[in-house]
Amino acid sequence: ARPALDDPHALREDGIYVLPETVAE
């Protein structure tokens, strides 16, 4: 629910993420 978005590629495949609409990657 509080992911760090400095590096979108660090997001994990097993995660269900709360994200803003503006994520470009």
PDB file of all heavy atoms in Angstrom:
ATOM      1  N   ALA A   1       0.807  -1.221   0.000  1.00  0.00           N
ATOM      2  CA  ALA A   1       0.000   0.000   0.000  1.00  0.00           C
ATOM      3  C   ALA A   1       0.837   1.267   0.000  1.00  0.00           C
ATOM      4  O   ALA A   1       0.311   2.352  -0.246  1.00  0.00           O
ATOM      5  CB  ALA A   1      -0.928   0.005   1.217  1.00  0.00           C
ATOM      6  N   ARG A   2       2.154   1.138   0.273  1.00  0.00           N
ATOM      7  CA  ARG A   2       3.023   2.319   0.293  1.00  0.00           C
ATOM      8  C   ARG A   2       4.305   2.029  -0.491  1.00  0.00           C
ATOM      9  O   ARG A   2       5.417   2.113   0.035  1.00  0.00           O
ATOM     10  CB  ARG A   2       3.378   2.701   1.734  1.00  0.00           C
ATOM     11  CG  ARG A   2       2.164   3.098   2.591  1.00  0.00           C
ATOM     12  CD  ARG A   2       2.628   3.480   3.983  1.00  0.00           C
ATOM     13  NE  ARG A   2       1.515   3.913   4.819  1.00  0.00           N
ATOM     14  CZ  ARG A   2       0.748   3.102   5.538  1.00  0.00           C
ATOM     15  NH1 ARG A   2       0.970   1.780   5.478  1.00  0.00           N
ATOM     16  NH2 ARG A   2      -0.234   3.566   6.293  1.00  0.00           N
ATOM     17  N   PRO A   3       4.182   1.679  -1.767  1.00  0.00           N
ATOM     18  CA  PRO A   3       5.388   1.303  -2.522  1.00  0.00           C
ATOM     19  C   PRO A   3       6.254   2.507  -2.848  1.00  0.00           C
ATOM     20  O   PRO A   3       5.756   3.621  -3.040  1.00  0.00           O
ATOM     21  CB  PRO A   3       4.819   0.679  -3.795  1.00  0.00           C
ATOM     22  CG  PRO A   3       3.511   1.389  -3.992  1.00  0.00           C
ATOM     23  CD  PRO A   3       2.968   1.623  -2.602  1.00  0.00           C
ATOM     24  N   ALA A   4       7.559   2.294  -2.909  1.00  0.00           N
ATOM     25  CA  ALA A   4       8.485   3.309  -3.402  1.00  0.00           C
ATOM     26  C   ALA A   4       8.500   3.228  -4.921  1.00  0.00           C
ATOM     27  O   ALA A   4       8.730   2.161  -5.486  1.00  0.00           O
ATOM     28  CB  ALA A   4       9.880   3.065  -2.827  1.00  0.00           C
ATOM     29  N   LEU A   5       8.240   4.360  -5.589  1.00  0.00           N
ATOM     30  CA  LEU A   5       8.087   4.354  -7.048  1.00  0.00           C
ATOM     31  C   LEU A   5       9.270   4.990  -7.772  1.00  0.00           C
ATOM     32  O   LEU A   5       9.169   5.331  -8.942  1.00  0.00           O
ATOM     33  CB  LEU A   5       6.790   5.071  -7.427  1.00  0.00           C
ATOM     34  CG  LEU A   5       5.508   4.404  -6.892  1.00  0.00           C
ATOM     35  CD1 LEU A   5       4.292   5.242  -7.250  1.00  0.00           C
ATOM     36  CD2 LEU A   5       5.366   2.993  -7.450  1.00  0.00           C
ATOM     37  N   ASP A   6      10.405   5.152  -7.055  1.00  0.00           N
ATOM     38  CA  ASP A   6      11.578   5.720  -7.719  1.00  0.00           C
ATOM     39  C   ASP A   6      12.027   4.843  -8.886  1.00  0.00           C
ATOM     40  O   ASP A   6      12.488   5.326  -9.914  1.00  0.00           O
ATOM     41  CB  ASP A   6      12.730   5.879  -6.721  1.00  0.00           C
ATOM     42  CG  ASP A   6      12.394   6.877  -5.622  1.00  0.00           C
ATOM     43  OD1 ASP A   6      11.488   7.712  -5.846  1.00  0.00           O
ATOM     44  OD2 ASP A   6      13.015   6.804  -4.549  1.00  0.00           O
ATOM     45  N   ASP A   7      11.894   3.526  -8.704  1.00  0.00           N
ATOM     46  CA  ASP A   7      12.260   2.579  -9.760  1.00  0.00           C
ATOM     47  C   ASP A   7      11.087   1.611  -9.955  1.00  0.00           C
ATOM     48  O   ASP A   7      10.963   0.617  -9.229  1.00  0.00           O
ATOM     49  CB  ASP A   7      13.519   1.798  -9.370  1.00  0.00           C
ATOM     50  CG  ASP A   7      13.925   0.796 -10.451  1.00  0.00           C
ATOM     51  OD1 ASP A   7      13.366   0.869 -11.567  1.00  0.00           O
ATOM     52  OD2 ASP A   7      14.793  -0.047 -10.168  1.00  0.00           O
ATOM     53  N   PRO A   8      10.195   1.895 -10.942  1.00  0.00           N
ATOM     54  CA  PRO A   8       9.027   1.026 -11.150  1.00  0.00           C
ATOM     55  C   PRO A   8       9.402  -0.430 -11.396  1.00  0.00           C
ATOM     56  O   PRO A   8       8.623  -1.330 -11.073  1.00  0.00           O
ATOM     57  CB  PRO A   8       8.354   1.646 -12.384  1.00  0.00           C
ATOM     58  CG  PRO A   8       8.829   3.060 -12.422  1.00  0.00           C
ATOM     59  CD  PRO A   8      10.229   3.025 -11.877  1.00  0.00           C
ATOM     60  N   HIS A   9      10.604  -0.677 -11.943  1.00  0.00           N
ATOM     61  CA  HIS A   9      10.997  -2.054 -12.248  1.00  0.00           C
ATOM     62  C   HIS A   9      11.354  -2.837 -10.994  1.00  0.00           C
ATOM     63  O   HIS A   9      11.570  -4.051 -11.062  1.00  0.00           O
ATOM     64  CB  HIS A   9      12.155  -2.052 -13.239  1.00  0.00           C
ATOM     65  CG  HIS A   9      11.773  -1.514 -14.577  1.00  0.00           C
ATOM     66  ND1 HIS A   9      11.013  -2.231 -15.475  1.00  0.00           N
ATOM     67  CD2 HIS A   9      12.001  -0.313 -15.164  1.00  0.00           C
ATOM     68  CE1 HIS A   9      10.806  -1.501 -16.572  1.00  0.00           C
ATOM     69  NE2 HIS A   9      11.386  -0.340 -16.392  1.00  0.00           N
ATOM     70  N   ALA A  10      11.409  -2.152  -9.842  1.00  0.00           N
ATOM     71  CA  ALA A  10      11.666  -2.851  -8.591  1.00  0.00           C
ATOM     72  C   ALA A  10      10.393  -3.484  -8.032  1.00  0.00           C
ATOM     73  O   ALA A  10      10.455  -4.244  -7.061  1.00  0.00           O
ATOM     74  CB  ALA A  10      12.259  -1.891  -7.561  1.00  0.00           C
ATOM     75  N   LEU A  11       9.231  -3.181  -8.645  1.00  0.00           N
ATOM     76  CA  LEU A  11       7.977  -3.792  -8.205  1.00  0.00           C
ATOM     77  C   LEU A  11       8.029  -5.302  -8.451  1.00  0.00           C
ATOM     78  O   LEU A  11       8.499  -5.759  -9.485  1.00  0.00           O
ATOM     79  CB  LEU A  11       6.795  -3.179  -8.954  1.00  0.00           C
ATOM     80  CG  LEU A  11       6.617  -1.660  -8.827  1.00  0.00           C
ATOM     81  CD1 LEU A  11       5.360  -1.207  -9.562  1.00  0.00           C
ATOM     82  CD2 LEU A  11       6.558  -1.233  -7.373  1.00  0.00           C
ATOM     83  N   ARG A  12       7.508  -6.072  -7.501  1.00  0.00           N
ATOM     84  CA  ARG A  12       7.602  -7.532  -7.550  1.00  0.00           C
ATOM     85  C   ARG A  12       6.393  -8.137  -8.256  1.00  0.00           C
ATOM     86  O   ARG A  12       5.283  -7.604  -8.190  1.00  0.00           O
ATOM     87  CB  ARG A  12       7.718  -8.101  -6.142  1.00  0.00           C
ATOM     88  CG  ARG A  12       8.985  -7.691  -5.417  1.00  0.00           C
ATOM     89  CD  ARG A  12       8.887  -8.057  -3.934  1.00  0.00           C
ATOM     90  NE  ARG A  12       8.604  -9.474  -3.759  1.00  0.00           N
ATOM     91  CZ  ARG A  12       9.521 -10.420  -3.586  1.00  0.00           C
ATOM     92  NH1 ARG A  12      10.801 -10.083  -3.575  1.00  0.00           N
ATOM     93  NH2 ARG A  12       9.190 -11.689  -3.419  1.00  0.00           N
ATOM     94  N   GLU A  13       6.601  -9.287  -8.906  1.00  0.00           N
ATOM     95  CA  GLU A  13       5.520  -9.962  -9.622  1.00  0.00           C
ATOM     96  C   GLU A  13       4.430 -10.463  -8.684  1.00  0.00           C
ATOM     97  O   GLU A  13       3.289 -10.631  -9.099  1.00  0.00           O
ATOM     98  CB  GLU A  13       6.079 -11.140 -10.434  1.00  0.00           C
ATOM     99  CG  GLU A  13       6.929 -10.725 -11.622  1.00  0.00           C
ATOM    100  CD  GLU A  13       7.330 -11.919 -12.466  1.00  0.00           C
ATOM    101  OE1 GLU A  13       6.833 -13.035 -12.175  1.00  0.00           O
ATOM    102  OE2 GLU A  13       8.126 -11.750 -13.407  1.00  0.00           O
ATOM    103  N   ASP A  14       4.766 -10.696  -7.420  1.00  0.00           N
ATOM    104  CA  ASP A  14       3.778 -11.235  -6.487  1.00  0.00           C
ATOM    105  C   ASP A  14       3.135 -10.129  -5.650  1.00  0.00           C
ATOM    106  O   ASP A  14       2.523 -10.402  -4.618  1.00  0.00           O
ATOM    107  CB  ASP A  14       4.409 -12.282  -5.563  1.00  0.00           C
ATOM    108  CG  ASP A  14       5.482 -11.675  -4.651  1.00  0.00           C
ATOM    109  OD1 ASP A  14       5.891 -10.519  -4.895  1.00  0.00           O
ATOM    110  OD2 ASP A  14       5.898 -12.349  -3.696  1.00  0.00           O
ATOM    111  N   GLY A  15       3.233  -8.885  -6.088  1.00  0.00           N
ATOM    112  CA  GLY A  15       2.697  -7.775  -5.327  1.00  0.00           C
ATOM    113  C   GLY A  15       1.367  -7.279  -5.872  1.00  0.00           C
ATOM    114  O   GLY A  15       1.144  -7.272  -7.085  1.00  0.00           O
ATOM    115  N   ILE A  16       0.464  -6.880  -4.964  1.00  0.00           N
ATOM    116  CA  ILE A  16      -0.762  -6.162  -5.330  1.00  0.00           C
ATOM    117  C   ILE A  16      -0.557  -4.741  -4.824  1.00  0.00           C
ATOM    118  O   ILE A  16      -0.524  -4.510  -3.609  1.00  0.00           O
ATOM    119  CB  ILE A  16      -2.006  -6.824  -4.720  1.00  0.00           C
ATOM    120  CG1 ILE A  16      -2.209  -8.197  -5.380  1.00  0.00           C
ATOM    121  CG2 ILE A  16      -3.245  -5.956  -4.903  1.00  0.00           C
ATOM    122  CD1 ILE A  16      -3.386  -8.983  -4.831  1.00  0.00           C
ATOM    123  N   TYR A  17      -0.397  -3.791  -5.746  1.00  0.00           N
ATOM    124  CA  TYR A  17       0.122  -2.464  -5.424  1.00  0.00           C
ATOM    125  C   TYR A  17      -0.951  -1.382  -5.486  1.00  0.00           C
ATOM    126  O   TYR A  17      -1.825  -1.405  -6.369  1.00  0.00           O
ATOM    127  CB  TYR A  17       1.250  -2.101  -6.391  1.00  0.00           C
ATOM    128  CG  TYR A  17       2.530  -2.873  -6.161  1.00  0.00           C
ATOM    129  CD1 TYR A  17       2.767  -4.069  -6.834  1.00  0.00           C
ATOM    130  CD2 TYR A  17       3.492  -2.408  -5.276  1.00  0.00           C
ATOM    131  CE1 TYR A  17       3.937  -4.792  -6.625  1.00  0.00           C
ATOM    132  CE2 TYR A  17       4.664  -3.117  -5.063  1.00  0.00           C
ATOM    133  CZ  TYR A  17       4.889  -4.302  -5.738  1.00  0.00           C
ATOM    134  OH  TYR A  17       6.049  -5.016  -5.526  1.00  0.00           O
ATOM    135  N   VAL A  18      -0.860  -0.440  -4.552  1.00  0.00           N
ATOM    136  CA  VAL A  18      -1.620   0.807  -4.635  1.00  0.00           C
ATOM    137  C   VAL A  18      -0.753   1.801  -5.408  1.00  0.00           C
ATOM    138  O   VAL A  18       0.349   2.147  -4.967  1.00  0.00           O
ATOM    139  CB  VAL A  18      -1.958   1.359  -3.238  1.00  0.00           C
ATOM    140  CG1 VAL A  18      -2.666   2.701  -3.364  1.00  0.00           C
ATOM    141  CG2 VAL A  18      -2.819   0.369  -2.468  1.00  0.00           C
ATOM    142  N   LEU A  19      -1.236   2.238  -6.581  1.00  0.00           N
ATOM    143  CA  LEU A  19      -0.442   3.078  -7.474  1.00  0.00           C
ATOM    144  C   LEU A  19      -1.225   4.324  -7.880  1.00  0.00           C
ATOM    145  O   LEU A  19      -2.451   4.288  -7.952  1.00  0.00           O
ATOM    146  CB  LEU A  19      -0.056   2.309  -8.740  1.00  0.00           C
ATOM    147  CG  LEU A  19       0.803   1.050  -8.569  1.00  0.00           C
ATOM    148  CD1 LEU A  19       0.957   0.345  -9.915  1.00  0.00           C
ATOM    149  CD2 LEU A  19       2.164   1.397  -7.994  1.00  0.00           C
ATOM    150  N   PRO A  20      -0.528   5.414  -8.186  1.00  0.00           N
ATOM    151  CA  PRO A  20      -1.207   6.578  -8.774  1.00  0.00           C
ATOM    152  C   PRO A  20      -1.524   6.333 -10.236  1.00  0.00           C
ATOM    153  O   PRO A  20      -0.952   5.427 -10.865  1.00  0.00           O
ATOM    154  CB  PRO A  20      -0.172   7.702  -8.612  1.00  0.00           C
ATOM    155  CG  PRO A  20       1.145   6.994  -8.627  1.00  0.00           C
ATOM    156  CD  PRO A  20       0.901   5.655  -7.958  1.00  0.00           C
ATOM    157  N   GLU A  21      -2.431   7.147 -10.805  1.00  0.00           N
ATOM    158  CA  GLU A  21      -2.812   6.977 -12.205  1.00  0.00           C
ATOM    159  C   GLU A  21      -1.681   7.304 -13.157  1.00  0.00           C
ATOM    160  O   GLU A  21      -1.713   6.920 -14.318  1.00  0.00           O
ATOM    161  CB  GLU A  21      -4.000   7.886 -12.540  1.00  0.00           C
ATOM    162  CG  GLU A  21      -5.302   7.436 -11.945  1.00  0.00           C
ATOM    163  CD  GLU A  21      -6.469   8.244 -12.463  1.00  0.00           C
ATOM    164  OE1 GLU A  21      -6.277   9.424 -12.821  1.00  0.00           O
ATOM    165  OE2 GLU A  21      -7.570   7.691 -12.528  1.00  0.00           O
ATOM    166  N   THR A  22      -0.662   8.049 -12.685  1.00  0.00           N
ATOM    167  CA  THR A  22       0.345   8.608 -13.580  1.00  0.00           C
ATOM    168  C   THR A  22       1.558   7.722 -13.795  1.00  0.00           C
ATOM    169  O   THR A  22       2.518   8.156 -14.401  1.00  0.00           O
ATOM    170  CB  THR A  22       0.822   9.957 -13.025  1.00  0.00           C
ATOM    171  OG1 THR A  22       1.230   9.783 -11.657  1.00  0.00           O
ATOM    172  CG2 THR A  22      -0.285  10.983 -13.083  1.00  0.00           C
ATOM    173  N   VAL A  23       1.545   6.498 -13.275  1.00  0.00           N
ATOM    174  CA  VAL A  23       2.681   5.598 -13.497  1.00  0.00           C
ATOM    175  C   VAL A  23       2.847   5.369 -14.995  1.00  0.00           C
ATOM    176  O   VAL A  23       1.917   4.951 -15.684  1.00  0.00           O
ATOM    177  CB  VAL A  23       2.460   4.251 -12.777  1.00  0.00           C
ATOM    178  CG1 VAL A  23       3.532   3.257 -13.184  1.00  0.00           C
ATOM    179  CG2 VAL A  23       2.479   4.459 -11.277  1.00  0.00           C
ATOM    180  N   ALA A  24       4.035   5.678 -15.505  1.00  0.00           N
ATOM    181  CA  ALA A  24       4.266   5.568 -16.948  1.00  0.00           C
ATOM    182  C   ALA A  24       4.897   4.239 -17.340  1.00  0.00           C
ATOM    183  O   ALA A  24       4.844   3.846 -18.487  1.00  0.00           O
ATOM    184  CB  ALA A  24       5.161   6.717 -17.423  1.00  0.00           C
ATOM    185  N   GLU A  25       5.519   3.555 -16.363  1.00  0.00           N
ATOM    186  CA  GLU A  25       6.125   2.255 -16.636  1.00  0.00           C
ATOM    187  C   GLU A  25       5.617   1.265 -15.603  1.00  0.00           C
ATOM    188  O   GLU A  25       5.406   1.608 -14.443  1.00  0.00           O
ATOM    189  CB  GLU A  25       7.653   2.348 -16.553  1.00  0.00           C
ATOM    190  CG  GLU A  25       8.278   3.202 -17.640  1.00  0.00           C
ATOM    191  CD  GLU A  25       9.791   3.187 -17.537  1.00  0.00           C
ATOM    192  OE1 GLU A  25      10.385   2.136 -17.847  1.00  0.00           O
ATOM    193  OE2 GLU A  25      10.371   4.195 -17.131  1.00  0.00           O
TER     194      GLU A  25
END
